[in-house]
Amino acid sequence: MTVSDFQIEDKLIERELDPSYHEFAVEPTGRQVTVVLGGVVVARSRRVALLHESKHMPVYYFPVEDVRMDLLSPSGRTKDTPLKGVARYLDIDTGTKRVADGAWIHEAPTSPAAEPLRGMVAFYWAKMDRWFEEDDEVYKHPRDPYHRVDVLNSSRHVQIVVLGEVVAESRRPRLLFETRLPTRYYLPWADVRSELLVPSTTRSTCPYKGDAEYWSVQLGDQLVKDLAWSYRHPIAECPKIENLVCFYDEQVDAVIVDGVEQERPRTAWSKARAVRTVAPTES
């Protein structure tokens, strides 16, 4: 799909249930991080700092000594940010590729917590071509060391209800537990009514799980768009969800586990369900 979060670092992620909760921490990672644009290494450092901030994805900051500052120039754009102070934006021109406002620097943080970011340079993840942690390429955003993904085999009885009809039912799900996110129920294809699933062109990438493909659910002339997904080839660190099917708990009618309907979670995916009338799928 076309990624709507082109500047994901600027977006608020509404996943904390307590609106008063705010976390702000800067720490070293110990990893060598490399940024590539137009085939040119624009930054490489073993001294990167990782910013953890509530409702934001983590962001890498680089010492200026480890950045090709000769390729960066002030764009004239600035933005006042909480705690971090004014961000001064920088254009990047490698000779092979030019990106406007591709990086920024905080020269005068306004809080002690942000002082480690003074004079450090950050880059918009999606505006760069490639990112590496050590020699492994990383996608979407930095991997947070405090973000866990655990997948456990289970014998719970899971039912997924869409538009009043059970579209999946399994007694052998795999439960994925991910930090600050609702439990996800990954089901074998044999336990899903796959004749009700319509392939979608939507794709997404998760740095913890890999590349996902999506399906819509069609019941009669009603189509619920992008309700289920699967990781055909997850990354090596998350093999137990390979080729299983998962549904958005936030958008189905109900998720019933051992006969008990689960509370509907509130997450960034708690949007109004997109249901439209279409011609029935031919059998």
C-alpha atoms as a PDB file:
ATOM      1  CA  MET A   1       0.000   0.000   0.000  1.00  0.00           C
ATOM      2  CA  THR A   2       0.964   3.611  -0.206  1.00  0.00           C
ATOM      3  CA  VAL A   3       2.399   4.369   3.201  1.00  0.00           C
ATOM      4  CA  SER A   4       0.443   7.246   4.722  1.00  0.00           C
ATOM      5  CA  ASP A   5       2.955   7.802   7.502  1.00  0.00           C
ATOM      6  CA  PHE A   6       5.711   9.154   5.208  1.00  0.00           C
ATOM      7  CA  GLN A   7       6.950  11.246   8.116  1.00  0.00           C
ATOM      8  CA  ILE A   8       6.093   8.788  10.846  1.00  0.00           C
ATOM      9  CA  GLU A   9       8.338  10.606  13.333  1.00  0.00           C
ATOM     10  CA  ASP A  10       5.883  13.530  13.308  1.00  0.00           C
ATOM     11  CA  LYS A  11       2.777  11.436  13.848  1.00  0.00           C
ATOM     12  CA  LEU A  12       1.086  10.827  17.163  1.00  0.00           C
ATOM     13  CA  ILE A  13       0.378   7.184  17.958  1.00  0.00           C
ATOM     14  CA  GLU A  14      -2.697   7.084  20.151  1.00  0.00           C
ATOM     15  CA  ARG A  15      -2.134   3.816  21.964  1.00  0.00           C
ATOM     16  CA  GLU A  16      -1.633   4.810  25.598  1.00  0.00           C
ATOM     17  CA  LEU A  17      -4.948   4.603  27.412  1.00  0.00           C
ATOM     18  CA  ASP A  18      -3.871   7.131  30.051  1.00  0.00           C
ATOM     19  CA  PRO A  19      -3.665  10.546  28.311  1.00  0.00           C
ATOM     20  CA  SER A  20      -1.611  11.968  31.178  1.00  0.00           C
ATOM     21  CA  TYR A  21       1.128   9.357  30.748  1.00  0.00           C
ATOM     22  CA  HIS A  22       4.285  10.687  29.105  1.00  0.00           C
ATOM     23  CA  GLU A  23       7.617   8.995  28.680  1.00  0.00           C
ATOM     24  CA  PHE A  24      10.750  10.750  27.452  1.00  0.00           C
ATOM     25  CA  ALA A  25      14.114   9.039  27.610  1.00  0.00           C
ATOM     26  CA  VAL A  26      17.343   9.156  25.615  1.00  0.00           C
ATOM     27  CA  GLU A  27      19.811   6.297  25.793  1.00  0.00           C
ATOM     28  CA  PRO A  28      22.735   4.798  23.848  1.00  0.00           C
ATOM     29  CA  THR A  29      22.028   1.611  21.901  1.00  0.00           C
ATOM     30  CA  GLY A  30      25.465   0.063  21.461  1.00  0.00           C
ATOM     31  CA  ARG A  31      24.582  -0.660  17.821  1.00  0.00           C
ATOM     32  CA  GLN A  32      26.311   0.697  14.750  1.00  0.00           C
ATOM     33  CA  VAL A  33      23.629   2.409  12.673  1.00  0.00           C
ATOM     34  CA  THR A  34      24.075   3.371   9.013  1.00  0.00           C
ATOM     35  CA  VAL A  35      21.888   5.623   6.849  1.00  0.00           C
ATOM     36  CA  VAL A  36      22.094   5.452   3.045  1.00  0.00           C
ATOM     37  CA  LEU A  37      20.647   7.899   0.517  1.00  0.00           C
ATOM     38  CA  GLY A  38      21.208   7.731  -3.222  1.00  0.00           C
ATOM     39  CA  GLY A  39      23.826   5.041  -2.710  1.00  0.00           C
ATOM     40  CA  VAL A  40      25.835   7.307  -0.388  1.00  0.00           C
ATOM     41  CA  VAL A  41      26.379   6.716   3.335  1.00  0.00           C
ATOM     42  CA  VAL A  42      25.173   9.968   4.908  1.00  0.00           C
ATOM     43  CA  ALA A  43      25.627   8.821   8.515  1.00  0.00           C
ATOM     44  CA  ARG A  44      27.293   5.917  10.287  1.00  0.00           C
ATOM     45  CA  SER A  45      27.848   5.784  14.001  1.00  0.00           C
ATOM     46  CA  ARG A  46      28.414   3.490  16.953  1.00  0.00           C
ATOM     47  CA  ARG A  47      27.403   6.362  19.247  1.00  0.00           C
ATOM     48  CA  VAL A  48      23.783   6.813  18.209  1.00  0.00           C
ATOM     49  CA  ALA A  49      21.198   7.776  20.809  1.00  0.00           C
ATOM     50  CA  LEU A  50      17.684   6.359  20.731  1.00  0.00           C
ATOM     51  CA  LEU A  51      14.863   8.661  21.785  1.00  0.00           C
ATOM     52  CA  HIS A  52      11.853   7.017  23.412  1.00  0.00           C
ATOM     53  CA  GLU A  53       8.900   9.387  23.556  1.00  0.00           C
ATOM     54  CA  SER A  54       5.270   8.601  24.339  1.00  0.00           C
ATOM     55  CA  LYS A  55       2.972   8.370  21.324  1.00  0.00           C
ATOM     56  CA  HIS A  56       5.920   8.492  18.931  1.00  0.00           C
ATOM     57  CA  MET A  57       8.025   5.876  17.237  1.00  0.00           C
ATOM     58  CA  PRO A  58      11.626   5.691  18.498  1.00  0.00           C
ATOM     59  CA  VAL A  59      14.101   7.949  16.666  1.00  0.00           C
ATOM     60  CA  TYR A  60      17.856   7.606  16.173  1.00  0.00           C
ATOM     61  CA  TYR A  61      20.056  10.679  16.770  1.00  0.00           C
ATOM     62  CA  PHE A  62      23.611  10.845  15.415  1.00  0.00           C
ATOM     63  CA  PRO A  63      26.621  12.887  16.622  1.00  0.00           C
ATOM     64  CA  VAL A  64      27.482  15.498  13.988  1.00  0.00           C
ATOM     65  CA  GLU A  65      30.998  14.042  13.779  1.00  0.00           C
ATOM     66  CA  ASP A  66      29.481  10.841  12.358  1.00  0.00           C
ATOM     67  CA  VAL A  67      27.266  12.598   9.798  1.00  0.00           C
ATOM     68  CA  ARG A  68      28.276  13.805   6.336  1.00  0.00           C
ATOM     69  CA  MET A  69      27.464  17.402   7.230  1.00  0.00           C
ATOM     70  CA  ASP A  70      29.006  18.502   3.915  1.00  0.00           C
ATOM     71  CA  LEU A  71      25.912  16.969   2.264  1.00  0.00           C
ATOM     72  CA  LEU A  72      23.461  18.798   4.557  1.00  0.00           C
ATOM     73  CA  SER A  73      22.364  22.430   4.406  1.00  0.00           C
ATOM     74  CA  PRO A  74      19.764  24.501   6.324  1.00  0.00           C
ATOM     75  CA  SER A  75      16.382  24.433   4.603  1.00  0.00           C
ATOM     76  CA  GLY A  76      15.103  27.508   6.446  1.00  0.00           C
ATOM     77  CA  ARG A  77      12.317  25.551   8.107  1.00  0.00           C
ATOM     78  CA  THR A  78      12.084  25.319  11.894  1.00  0.00           C
ATOM     79  CA  LYS A  79       9.632  23.795  14.337  1.00  0.00           C
ATOM     80  CA  ASP A  80       9.247  24.297  18.073  1.00  0.00           C
ATOM     81  CA  THR A  81       8.897  20.932  19.793  1.00  0.00           C
ATOM     82  CA  PRO A  82       8.044  20.070  23.425  1.00  0.00           C
ATOM     83  CA  LEU A  83      11.091  19.420  25.649  1.00  0.00           C
ATOM     84  CA  LYS A  84      13.453  19.240  22.677  1.00  0.00           C
ATOM     85  CA  GLY A  85      13.211  22.906  21.713  1.00  0.00           C
ATOM     86  CA  VAL A  86      13.471  24.265  18.202  1.00  0.00           C
ATOM     87  CA  ALA A  87      14.213  21.763  15.462  1.00  0.00           C
ATOM     88  CA  ARG A  88      16.194  23.238  12.579  1.00  0.00           C
ATOM     89  CA  TYR A  89      15.574  21.301   9.381  1.00  0.00           C
ATOM     90  CA  LEU A  90      18.220  20.338   6.858  1.00  0.00           C
ATOM     91  CA  ASP A  91      18.123  19.495   3.167  1.00  0.00           C
ATOM     92  CA  ILE A  92      20.279  16.591   1.973  1.00  0.00           C
ATOM     93  CA  ASP A  93      22.013  16.470  -1.401  1.00  0.00           C
ATOM     94  CA  THR A  94      24.284  13.512  -2.133  1.00  0.00           C
ATOM     95  CA  GLY A  95      24.867  14.470  -5.748  1.00  0.00           C
ATOM     96  CA  THR A  96      22.817  11.478  -6.818  1.00  0.00           C
ATOM     97  CA  LYS A  97      19.697  12.324  -4.828  1.00  0.00           C
ATOM     98  CA  ARG A  98      18.277  15.388  -3.086  1.00  0.00           C
ATOM     99  CA  VAL A  99      15.756  15.357  -0.226  1.00  0.00           C
ATOM    100  CA  ALA A 100      14.167  18.487   1.204  1.00  0.00           C
ATOM    101  CA  ASP A 101      13.847  18.648   4.998  1.00  0.00           C
ATOM    102  CA  GLY A 102      15.283  15.155   5.283  1.00  0.00           C
ATOM    103  CA  ALA A 103      17.037  15.746   8.610  1.00  0.00           C
ATOM    104  CA  TRP A 104      16.851  18.004  11.644  1.00  0.00           C
ATOM    105  CA  ILE A 105      18.989  19.114  14.561  1.00  0.00           C
ATOM    106  CA  HIS A 106      18.206  20.405  18.059  1.00  0.00           C
ATOM    107  CA  GLU A 107      20.816  22.999  18.981  1.00  0.00           C
ATOM    108  CA  ALA A 108      19.260  24.235  22.240  1.00  0.00           C
ATOM    109  CA  PRO A 109      17.045  21.690  24.050  1.00  0.00           C
ATOM    110  CA  THR A 110      14.633  23.261  26.530  1.00  0.00           C
ATOM    111  CA  SER A 111      14.628  20.504  29.159  1.00  0.00           C
ATOM    112  CA  PRO A 112      17.316  18.562  31.032  1.00  0.00           C
ATOM    113  CA  ALA A 113      15.814  15.299  29.746  1.00  0.00           C
ATOM    114  CA  ALA A 114      16.532  16.343  26.155  1.00  0.00           C
ATOM    115  CA  GLU A 115      20.036  17.679  26.818  1.00  0.00           C
ATOM    116  CA  PRO A 116      21.693  14.527  25.347  1.00  0.00           C
ATOM    117  CA  LEU A 117      20.158  15.495  21.979  1.00  0.00           C
ATOM    118  CA  ARG A 118      21.984  18.825  21.837  1.00  0.00           C
ATOM    119  CA  GLY A 119      23.768  19.103  18.509  1.00  0.00           C
ATOM    120  CA  MET A 120      22.617  15.642  17.412  1.00  0.00           C
ATOM    121  CA  VAL A 121      21.194  14.990  13.932  1.00  0.00           C
ATOM    122  CA  ALA A 122      18.124  12.882  13.168  1.00  0.00           C
ATOM    123  CA  PHE A 123      16.807  11.703   9.804  1.00  0.00           C
ATOM    124  CA  TYR A 124      13.299  11.015   8.560  1.00  0.00           C
ATOM    125  CA  TRP A 125      13.286   7.241   8.217  1.00  0.00           C
ATOM    126  CA  ALA A 126      11.075   6.956   5.121  1.00  0.00           C
ATOM    127  CA  LYS A 127      12.901   9.741   3.280  1.00  0.00           C
ATOM    128  CA  MET A 128      16.122   7.742   3.378  1.00  0.00           C
ATOM    129  CA  ASP A 129      16.735   4.800   1.051  1.00  0.00           C
ATOM    130  CA  ARG A 130      18.155   2.221   3.444  1.00  0.00           C
ATOM    131  CA  TRP A 131      18.903   1.778   7.137  1.00  0.00           C
ATOM    132  CA  PHE A 132      21.184  -0.758   8.790  1.00  0.00           C
ATOM    133  CA  GLU A 133      21.703  -1.865  12.377  1.00  0.00           C
ATOM    134  CA  GLU A 134      25.178  -3.391  12.240  1.00  0.00           C
ATOM    135  CA  ASP A 135      25.014  -5.275   8.905  1.00  0.00           C
ATOM    136  CA  ASP A 136      21.299  -6.145   9.026  1.00  0.00           C
ATOM    137  CA  GLU A 137      18.902  -3.964   7.077  1.00  0.00           C
ATOM    138  CA  VAL A 138      16.004  -2.596   9.149  1.00  0.00           C
ATOM    139  CA  TYR A 139      12.628  -1.449   7.868  1.00  0.00           C
ATOM    140  CA  LYS A 140       9.855   0.975   8.876  1.00  0.00           C
ATOM    141  CA  HIS A 141      11.409   2.437  12.069  1.00  0.00           C
ATOM    142  CA  PRO A 142      14.085   1.614  14.684  1.00  0.00           C
ATOM    143  CA  ARG A 143      13.516  -1.490  16.755  1.00  0.00           C
ATOM    144  CA  ASP A 144      12.856  -0.511  20.344  1.00  0.00           C
ATOM    145  CA  PRO A 145      14.892  -2.698  22.748  1.00  0.00           C
ATOM    146  CA  TYR A 146      12.008  -2.498  25.246  1.00  0.00           C
ATOM    147  CA  HIS A 147       9.462  -3.720  22.699  1.00  0.00           C
ATOM    148  CA  ARG A 148       8.883  -7.482  22.961  1.00  0.00           C
ATOM    149  CA  VAL A 149       7.053  -9.856  20.665  1.00  0.00           C
ATOM    150  CA  ASP A 150       6.270 -13.292  22.118  1.00  0.00           C
ATOM    151  CA  VAL A 151       4.298 -15.971  20.258  1.00  0.00           C
ATOM    152  CA  LEU A 152       2.853 -18.838  22.296  1.00  0.00           C
ATOM    153  CA  ASN A 153       1.042 -21.995  21.241  1.00  0.00           C
ATOM    154  CA  SER A 154      -2.408 -22.234  22.803  1.00  0.00           C
ATOM    155  CA  SER A 155      -5.405 -24.560  23.070  1.00  0.00           C
ATOM    156  CA  ARG A 156      -7.885 -21.721  23.616  1.00  0.00           C
ATOM    157  CA  HIS A 157     -11.085 -21.873  21.583  1.00  0.00           C
ATOM    158  CA  VAL A 158     -11.076 -18.728  19.421  1.00  0.00           C
ATOM    159  CA  GLN A 159     -13.991 -17.566  17.250  1.00  0.00           C
ATOM    160  CA  ILE A 160     -13.960 -14.519  14.958  1.00  0.00           C
ATOM    161  CA  VAL A 161     -17.361 -13.015  14.172  1.00  0.00           C
ATOM    162  CA  VAL A 162     -17.876 -10.609  11.253  1.00  0.00           C
ATOM    163  CA  LEU A 163     -21.266  -9.182  10.231  1.00  0.00           C
ATOM    164  CA  GLY A 164     -22.935 -11.675  12.563  1.00  0.00           C
ATOM    165  CA  GLU A 165     -21.238 -14.751  11.093  1.00  0.00           C
ATOM    166  CA  VAL A 166     -18.360 -16.887  12.368  1.00  0.00           C
ATOM    167  CA  VAL A 167     -15.609 -16.550   9.745  1.00  0.00           C
ATOM    168  CA  ALA A 168     -12.843 -18.339  11.677  1.00  0.00           C
ATOM    169  CA  GLU A 169     -12.770 -20.828  14.547  1.00  0.00           C
ATOM    170  CA  SER A 170      -9.776 -22.592  16.041  1.00  0.00           C
ATOM    171  CA  ARG A 171      -8.668 -24.593  19.071  1.00  0.00           C
ATOM    172  CA  ARG A 172      -5.001 -24.347  18.076  1.00  0.00           C
ATOM    173  CA  PRO A 173      -4.275 -20.615  17.777  1.00  0.00           C
ATOM    174  CA  ARG A 174      -0.954 -18.984  18.333  1.00  0.00           C
ATOM    175  CA  LEU A 175      -1.192 -15.949  20.579  1.00  0.00           C
ATOM    176  CA  LEU A 176       1.082 -13.016  19.834  1.00  0.00           C
ATOM    177  CA  PHE A 177       1.842 -10.772  22.800  1.00  0.00           C
ATOM    178  CA  GLU A 178       3.406  -7.439  21.816  1.00  0.00           C
ATOM    179  CA  THR A 179       4.378  -4.626  24.172  1.00  0.00           C
ATOM    180  CA  ARG A 180       1.510  -2.154  24.737  1.00  0.00           C
ATOM    181  CA  LEU A 181      -0.646  -3.752  22.059  1.00  0.00           C
ATOM    182  CA  PRO A 182      -3.633  -6.094  22.357  1.00  0.00           C
ATOM    183  CA  THR A 183      -3.194  -9.854  22.143  1.00  0.00           C
ATOM    184  CA  ARG A 184      -3.406 -11.018  18.523  1.00  0.00           C
ATOM    185  CA  TYR A 185      -4.836 -14.424  17.624  1.00  0.00           C
ATOM    186  CA  TYR A 186      -3.054 -16.073  14.690  1.00  0.00           C
ATOM    187  CA  LEU A 187      -5.054 -18.953  13.232  1.00  0.00           C
ATOM    188  CA  PRO A 188      -4.214 -21.778  10.821  1.00  0.00           C
ATOM    189  CA  TRP A 189      -5.642 -21.313   7.328  1.00  0.00           C
ATOM    190  CA  ALA A 190      -7.522 -24.616   7.733  1.00  0.00           C
ATOM    191  CA  ASP A 191      -9.506 -23.004  10.573  1.00  0.00           C
ATOM    192  CA  VAL A 192     -10.474 -19.930   8.536  1.00  0.00           C
ATOM    193  CA  ARG A 193     -13.314 -19.787   6.006  1.00  0.00           C
ATOM    194  CA  SER A 194     -10.899 -18.765   3.289  1.00  0.00           C
ATOM    195  CA  GLU A 195     -13.671 -18.687   0.671  1.00  0.00           C
ATOM    196  CA  LEU A 196     -14.852 -15.497   2.411  1.00  0.00           C
ATOM    197  CA  LEU A 197     -11.453 -13.783   2.114  1.00  0.00           C
ATOM    198  CA  VAL A 198     -10.723 -11.507  -0.832  1.00  0.00           C
ATOM    199  CA  PRO A 199      -7.044 -10.682  -1.546  1.00  0.00           C
ATOM    200  CA  SER A 200      -6.156  -7.020  -1.051  1.00  0.00           C
ATOM    201  CA  THR A 201      -3.398  -4.928  -2.585  1.00  0.00           C
ATOM    202  CA  THR A 202      -2.610  -3.539   0.880  1.00  0.00           C
ATOM    203  CA  ARG A 203       0.817  -4.348   2.290  1.00  0.00           C
ATOM    204  CA  SER A 204       2.576  -3.256   5.472  1.00  0.00           C
ATOM    205  CA  THR A 205       5.973  -3.729   7.070  1.00  0.00           C
ATOM    206  CA  CYS A 206       6.781  -4.279  10.735  1.00  0.00           C
ATOM    207  CA  PRO A 207      10.410  -4.183  11.938  1.00  0.00           C
ATOM    208  CA  TYR A 208       9.584  -6.880  14.505  1.00  0.00           C
ATOM    209  CA  LYS A 209       7.614  -9.283  12.286  1.00  0.00           C
ATOM    210  CA  GLY A 210       8.254  -8.581   8.597  1.00  0.00           C
ATOM    211  CA  ASP A 211       6.030  -7.919   5.554  1.00  0.00           C
ATOM    212  CA  ALA A 212       2.283  -8.528   5.860  1.00  0.00           C
ATOM    213  CA  GLU A 213      -0.314  -9.058   3.145  1.00  0.00           C
ATOM    214  CA  TYR A 214      -4.002  -8.363   3.715  1.00  0.00           C
ATOM    215  CA  TRP A 215      -7.438  -9.781   2.946  1.00  0.00           C
ATOM    216  CA  SER A 216     -10.900  -8.276   3.016  1.00  0.00           C
ATOM    217  CA  VAL A 217     -13.914 -10.286   4.194  1.00  0.00           C
ATOM    218  CA  GLN A 218     -16.901 -10.637   1.875  1.00  0.00           C
ATOM    219  CA  LEU A 219     -20.258 -11.899   3.102  1.00  0.00           C
ATOM    220  CA  GLY A 220     -22.915 -11.741   0.412  1.00  0.00           C
ATOM    221  CA  ASP A 221     -22.769  -8.256  -1.045  1.00  0.00           C
ATOM    222  CA  GLN A 222     -20.983  -6.773   1.987  1.00  0.00           C
ATOM    223  CA  LEU A 223     -17.212  -6.289   1.851  1.00  0.00           C
ATOM    224  CA  VAL A 224     -15.189  -5.397   4.967  1.00  0.00           C
ATOM    225  CA  LYS A 225     -11.879  -4.053   3.725  1.00  0.00           C
ATOM    226  CA  ASP A 226      -8.468  -5.182   5.015  1.00  0.00           C
ATOM    227  CA  LEU A 227      -9.764  -7.040   8.056  1.00  0.00           C
ATOM    228  CA  ALA A 228      -7.210  -9.860   8.164  1.00  0.00           C
ATOM    229  CA  TRP A 229      -3.507 -10.233   7.485  1.00  0.00           C
ATOM    230  CA  SER A 230      -0.760 -12.818   7.296  1.00  0.00           C
ATOM    231  CA  TYR A 231       3.035 -12.913   7.318  1.00  0.00           C
ATOM    232  CA  ARG A 232       3.966 -15.354   4.558  1.00  0.00           C
ATOM    233  CA  HIS A 233       7.669 -15.022   5.346  1.00  0.00           C
ATOM    234  CA  PRO A 234       8.225 -13.352   8.761  1.00  0.00           C
ATOM    235  CA  ILE A 235      11.691 -12.259   9.805  1.00  0.00           C
ATOM    236  CA  ALA A 236      13.925 -14.838  11.454  1.00  0.00           C
ATOM    237  CA  GLU A 237      13.200 -13.535  14.975  1.00  0.00           C
ATOM    238  CA  CYS A 238       9.443 -14.213  14.637  1.00  0.00           C
ATOM    239  CA  PRO A 239       8.973 -17.549  12.818  1.00  0.00           C
ATOM    240  CA  LYS A 240       5.988 -18.914  14.751  1.00  0.00           C
ATOM    241  CA  ILE A 241       3.392 -16.745  12.949  1.00  0.00           C
ATOM    242  CA  GLU A 242       4.461 -17.877   9.479  1.00  0.00           C
ATOM    243  CA  ASN A 243       1.493 -18.222   7.105  1.00  0.00           C
ATOM    244  CA  LEU A 244      -1.146 -17.890   9.846  1.00  0.00           C
ATOM    245  CA  VAL A 245      -4.149 -15.545   9.659  1.00  0.00           C
ATOM    246  CA  CYS A 246      -4.979 -12.735  12.090  1.00  0.00           C
ATOM    247  CA  PHE A 247      -8.012 -10.421  12.274  1.00  0.00           C
ATOM    248  CA  TYR A 248      -8.361  -6.905  13.673  1.00  0.00           C
ATOM    249  CA  ASP A 249     -10.070  -7.389  17.052  1.00  0.00           C
ATOM    250  CA  GLU A 250     -10.877  -3.669  16.926  1.00  0.00           C
ATOM    251  CA  GLN A 251     -13.025  -4.025  13.805  1.00  0.00           C
ATOM    252  CA  VAL A 252     -14.689  -7.454  13.815  1.00  0.00           C
ATOM    253  CA  ASP A 253     -18.068  -7.938  15.485  1.00  0.00           C
ATOM    254  CA  ALA A 254     -16.566 -10.091  18.201  1.00  0.00           C
ATOM    255  CA  VAL A 255     -13.599 -12.189  19.250  1.00  0.00           C
ATOM    256  CA  ILE A 256     -14.827 -15.041  21.450  1.00  0.00           C
ATOM    257  CA  VAL A 257     -12.244 -16.959  23.470  1.00  0.00           C
ATOM    258  CA  ASP A 258     -13.353 -20.051  25.400  1.00  0.00           C
ATOM    259  CA  GLY A 259     -16.931 -18.847  25.099  1.00  0.00           C
ATOM    260  CA  VAL A 260     -16.244 -15.353  26.477  1.00  0.00           C
ATOM    261  CA  GLU A 261     -16.485 -12.325  24.210  1.00  0.00           C
ATOM    262  CA  GLN A 262     -13.302 -10.282  24.562  1.00  0.00           C
ATOM    263  CA  GLU A 263     -13.303  -6.586  25.360  1.00  0.00           C
ATOM    264  CA  ARG A 264     -12.746  -4.517  22.233  1.00  0.00           C
ATOM    265  CA  PRO A 265      -9.245  -2.946  22.430  1.00  0.00           C
ATOM    266  CA  ARG A 266      -8.565   0.735  21.785  1.00  0.00           C
ATOM    267  CA  THR A 267      -5.588   1.213  19.497  1.00  0.00           C
ATOM    268  CA  ALA A 268      -4.416   3.175  16.464  1.00  0.00           C
ATOM    269  CA  TRP A 269      -6.455   0.684  14.387  1.00  0.00           C
ATOM    270  CA  SER A 270      -9.739   1.431  16.199  1.00  0.00           C
ATOM    271  CA  LYS A 271     -11.190   3.174  13.176  1.00  0.00           C
ATOM    272  CA  ALA A 272     -14.696   2.914  11.828  1.00  0.00           C
ATOM    273  CA  ARG A 273     -15.032  -0.356   9.932  1.00  0.00           C
ATOM    274  CA  ALA A 274     -15.053   0.134   6.177  1.00  0.00           C
ATOM    275  CA  VAL A 275     -18.026  -1.864   4.874  1.00  0.00           C
ATOM    276  CA  ARG A 276     -19.246  -1.422   1.319  1.00  0.00           C
ATOM    277  CA  THR A 277     -21.709  -3.136  -0.974  1.00  0.00           C
ATOM    278  CA  VAL A 278     -20.174  -5.121  -3.829  1.00  0.00           C
ATOM    279  CA  ALA A 279     -21.173  -7.827  -6.247  1.00  0.00           C
ATOM    280  CA  PRO A 280     -21.102 -11.209  -4.472  1.00  0.00           C
ATOM    281  CA  THR A 281     -17.874 -13.179  -5.027  1.00  0.00           C
ATOM    282  CA  GLU A 282     -18.437 -15.929  -7.548  1.00  0.00           C
ATOM    283  CA  SER A 283     -17.878 -19.415  -6.229  1.00  0.00           C
END
